[in-house]
C-alpha atoms as a PDB file:
ATOM      1  CA  MET A   1     198.034  -6.224 192.084  1.00  0.00           C
ATOM      2  CA  ALA A   2     194.879  -4.148 192.535  1.00  0.00           C
ATOM      3  CA  VAL A   3     194.036  -4.688 188.869  1.00  0.00           C
ATOM      4  CA  LEU A   4     194.472  -8.416 189.327  1.00  0.00           C
ATOM      5  CA  MET A   5     192.153  -8.500 192.330  1.00  0.00           C
ATOM      6  CA  VAL A   6     189.439  -6.343 190.757  1.00  0.00           C
ATOM      7  CA  VAL A   7     189.303  -7.951 187.322  1.00  0.00           C
ATOM      8  CA  GLY A   8     189.108 -11.549 188.429  1.00  0.00           C
ATOM      9  CA  ASN A   9     192.258 -13.316 187.164  1.00  0.00           C
ATOM     10  CA  VAL A  10     190.534 -15.808 184.873  1.00  0.00           C
ATOM     11  CA  PRO A  11     192.679 -16.735 181.831  1.00  0.00           C
ATOM     12  CA  SER A  12     189.886 -16.870 179.264  1.00  0.00           C
ATOM     13  CA  ILE A  13     188.449 -14.556 176.640  1.00  0.00           C
ATOM     14  CA  PRO A  14     185.526 -12.658 178.152  1.00  0.00           C
ATOM     15  CA  SER A  15     182.258 -12.644 176.218  1.00  0.00           C
ATOM     16  CA  SER A  16     180.900  -9.611 178.067  1.00  0.00           C
ATOM     17  CA  ILE A  17     182.417  -6.494 179.566  1.00  0.00           C
ATOM     18  CA  PHE A  18     181.300  -7.761 182.978  1.00  0.00           C
ATOM     19  CA  ASP A  19     183.005 -11.182 182.721  1.00  0.00           C
ATOM     20  CA  PRO A  20     186.271 -11.800 184.599  1.00  0.00           C
ATOM     21  CA  ALA A  21     189.447 -11.401 182.543  1.00  0.00           C
ATOM     22  CA  TYR A  22     193.243 -11.675 182.665  1.00  0.00           C
ATOM     23  CA  PRO A  23     194.799  -8.253 181.998  1.00  0.00           C
ATOM     24  CA  ILE A  24     198.366  -7.750 180.785  1.00  0.00           C
ATOM     25  CA  PRO A  25     199.649  -6.172 184.049  1.00  0.00           C
ATOM     26  CA  ALA A  26     198.366  -9.192 185.960  1.00  0.00           C
ATOM     27  CA  LEU A  27     200.043 -11.529 183.472  1.00  0.00           C
ATOM     28  CA  ILE A  28     203.366  -9.795 184.017  1.00  0.00           C
ATOM     29  CA  ALA A  29     203.015  -9.612 187.817  1.00  0.00           C
ATOM     30  CA  ILE A  30     202.025 -13.245 188.318  1.00  0.00           C
ATOM     31  CA  ASN A  31     204.497 -14.840 185.907  1.00  0.00           C
ATOM     32  CA  TYR A  32     207.542 -12.687 186.613  1.00  0.00           C
ATOM     33  CA  GLY A  33     208.867 -15.135 189.204  1.00  0.00           C
ATOM     34  CA  GLU A  34     208.875 -18.018 186.715  1.00  0.00           C
ATOM     35  CA  MET A  35     210.785 -16.026 184.128  1.00  0.00           C
ATOM     36  CA  MET A  36     214.187 -17.469 185.071  1.00  0.00           C
ATOM     37  CA  SER A  37     213.179 -21.136 184.835  1.00  0.00           C
ATOM     38  CA  ILE A  38     212.019 -21.133 181.201  1.00  0.00           C
ATOM     39  CA  PRO A  39     214.383 -19.490 178.660  1.00  0.00           C
ATOM     40  CA  SER A  40     211.858 -18.025 176.231  1.00  0.00           C
ATOM     41  CA  TYR A  41     209.427 -17.045 178.990  1.00  0.00           C
ATOM     42  CA  GLY A  42     211.332 -13.850 179.725  1.00  0.00           C
ATOM     43  CA  SER A  43     211.092 -12.789 176.096  1.00  0.00           C
ATOM     44  CA  ALA A  44     207.349 -13.399 176.073  1.00  0.00           C
ATOM     45  CA  LEU A  45     206.872 -11.330 179.224  1.00  0.00           C
ATOM     46  CA  MET A  46     208.995  -8.509 177.836  1.00  0.00           C
ATOM     47  CA  LEU A  47     206.908  -8.575 174.661  1.00  0.00           C
ATOM     48  CA  ALA A  48     203.763  -8.326 176.772  1.00  0.00           C
ATOM     49  CA  ALA A  49     205.296  -5.353 178.612  1.00  0.00           C
ATOM     50  CA  LEU A  50     206.174  -3.693 175.300  1.00  0.00           C
ATOM     51  CA  LEU A  51     202.633  -4.275 174.046  1.00  0.00           C
ATOM     52  CA  LEU A  52     201.235  -2.724 177.214  1.00  0.00           C
ATOM     53  CA  LEU A  53     203.559   0.269 176.822  1.00  0.00           C
ATOM     54  CA  LEU A  54     202.460   0.795 173.215  1.00  0.00           C
ATOM     55  CA  ILE A  55     198.773   0.582 174.134  1.00  0.00           C
ATOM     56  CA  VAL A  56     199.204   3.142 176.922  1.00  0.00           C
ATOM     57  CA  LEU A  57     201.201   5.418 174.599  1.00  0.00           C
ATOM     58  CA  LEU A  58     198.531   5.179 171.898  1.00  0.00           C
ATOM     59  CA  PHE A  59     195.739   6.102 174.291  1.00  0.00           C
ATOM     60  CA  SER A  60     197.805   8.954 175.744  1.00  0.00           C
ATOM     61  CA  LEU A  61     198.429  10.404 172.287  1.00  0.00           C
ATOM     62  CA  LEU A  62     194.767  10.061 171.360  1.00  0.00           C
ATOM     63  CA  ALA A  63     193.722  11.821 174.568  1.00  0.00           C
ATOM     64  CA  ALA A  64     196.204  14.643 173.951  1.00  0.00           C
ATOM     65  CA  ALA A  65     194.923  15.096 170.389  1.00  0.00           C
ATOM     66  CA  LEU A  66     191.347  15.119 171.650  1.00  0.00           C
ATOM     67  CA  LEU A  67     192.188  17.802 174.210  1.00  0.00           C
ATOM     68  CA  VAL A  68     193.850  19.968 171.551  1.00  0.00           C
ATOM     69  CA  GLY A  69     190.744  19.641 169.382  1.00  0.00           C
ATOM     70  CA  ILE A  70     188.454  20.588 172.249  1.00  0.00           C
ATOM     71  CA  LYS A  71     190.607  23.605 173.110  1.00  0.00           C
ATOM     72  CA  ARG A  72     190.547  24.817 169.502  1.00  0.00           C
ATOM     73  CA  ARG A  73     186.776  24.497 169.321  1.00  0.00           C
ATOM     74  CA  TYR A  74     185.759  26.049 172.638  1.00  0.00           C
ATOM     75  CA  VAL A  75     188.541  28.457 173.622  1.00  0.00           C
ATOM     76  CA  VAL A  76     188.232  31.877 172.044  1.00  0.00           C
ATOM     77  CA  GLY A  77     191.384  33.851 171.388  1.00  0.00           C
END
């Protein structure tokens, strides 16, 4: 919920990095209660959660690879 409050919760495509946005965790948190009323809504939210998981995994792997590269370059021995 902190992400939702900080970012602005505006469902539009931002034109600047400083414009309010609608992040994926906020989408999941706000719409989770309505998941039972619409049949395909749950599938869409689970797809959004999977997309978020894949994005976080990608950035984690990139950060780990970057750290290995930095260690190889600057650590002697």
